[in-house]
Protein backbone atom coordinates (compact mmCIF):
# COMPACT_ATOMS: atom_id res chain seq x y z
CA MET A 1 -0.30 0.09 0.25
CA GLU A 2 1.67 3.40 -1.09
CA VAL A 3 1.05 5.99 1.46
CA LYS A 4 1.34 9.71 0.97
CA ILE A 5 1.73 11.85 4.07
CA GLY A 6 1.66 15.95 3.90
CA VAL A 7 3.43 17.40 7.06
CA GLN A 8 2.81 21.63 7.83
CA HIS A 9 5.33 23.83 6.93
CA ALA A 10 7.39 21.03 5.13
CA PRO A 11 8.07 21.52 1.50
CA ARG A 12 7.75 17.65 0.95
CA GLU A 13 5.68 15.27 1.62
CA ILE A 14 6.41 11.31 3.16
CA VAL A 15 6.22 8.51 0.94
CA LEU A 16 6.21 5.43 1.71
CA GLU A 17 5.79 1.54 0.68
CA SER A 18 3.55 -0.50 3.75
CA GLY A 19 2.59 -3.73 3.97
CA LEU A 20 -0.66 -2.94 5.77
CA ALA A 21 -4.55 -2.73 4.87
CA ALA A 22 -5.55 0.37 4.13
CA GLU A 23 -7.93 0.13 6.75
CA GLU A 24 -5.27 -0.62 9.47
CA VAL A 25 -4.03 3.39 7.94
CA GLU A 26 -6.97 5.04 8.32
CA ARG A 27 -7.39 3.50 11.50
CA ALA A 28 -3.94 4.48 12.61
CA VAL A 29 -4.68 7.85 11.35
CA ALA A 30 -7.88 8.37 13.03
CA ASP A 31 -6.54 7.36 16.50
CA ALA A 32 -3.53 10.12 15.41
CA LEU A 33 -6.55 13.05 14.86
CA ALA A 34 -8.44 11.69 17.61
CA GLY A 35 -5.79 12.51 19.87
CA LYS A 36 -5.47 8.74 20.82
CA ALA A 37 -1.64 8.73 19.80
CA GLN A 38 0.38 12.21 19.70
CA LEU A 39 2.60 10.79 16.64
CA LEU A 40 1.43 8.90 13.27
CA SER A 41 2.91 5.95 13.68
CA LEU A 42 3.71 3.46 10.29
CA VAL A 43 6.26 1.06 9.45
CA ASP A 44 7.56 0.99 5.46
CA ASP A 45 8.11 -2.72 3.72
CA ARG A 46 11.97 -2.36 4.35
CA GLY A 47 11.11 -2.12 8.45
CA ARG A 48 11.70 1.76 8.94
CA LYS A 49 9.65 3.11 11.21
CA VAL A 50 7.79 6.89 10.12
CA LEU A 51 6.32 9.54 12.85
CA VAL A 52 4.98 12.17 12.39
CA PRO A 53 3.79 14.39 14.87
CA ALA A 54 -0.55 14.51 14.84
CA ASP A 55 -0.82 18.34 14.92
CA ARG A 56 1.19 18.54 11.86
CA LEU A 57 -0.39 15.84 9.41
CA ALA A 58 -1.84 18.39 6.75
CA TYR A 59 -2.89 14.78 4.71
CA VAL A 60 -2.46 11.39 3.96
CA GLU A 61 -2.91 9.72 0.64
CA ILE A 62 -3.59 5.81 0.71
CA GLY A 63 -3.69 4.26 -2.23
CA GLU A 64 -2.13 1.18 -4.34
CA PRO A 65 1.60 1.38 -5.16
CA THR A 66 2.21 2.41 -8.47
CA VAL A 67 3.77 0.05 -11.31
CA ARG A 68 6.30 1.55 -13.19
CA LYS A 69 6.23 0.25 -16.98
CA VAL A 70 9.80 -1.05 -18.17
CA GLY A 71 10.34 -1.21 -21.86
CA PHE A 72 9.82 -0.32 -24.88
CA GLY A 73 5.56 0.41 -26.22
CA ALA A 74 4.43 0.45 -29.85
CA MET A 75 3.91 4.39 -30.77
C-alpha cells in the first residue's frame, strides 16, 4: 500500500510503501487525529518506522502502489 503524508510547514511529502491494509492505515491516522495518539506511527516495507506529530498532519493519501512500466511500447 502506498501512503503519502503531507506535513505542515514542510516542502515535501513523505511517501512510503507499507504492508498494512488501507483500513489499518486509516485507523492509525484517525487515532492520531482524534488525540488517542500524539504521533502517527507507520512502518514501511523495509522495516523503517516513520513518526509524524499528529498536530502537524496536513493530509494522508492512501492508495495502491504504482507499477512502473519497463521497456518500449508500440507507438
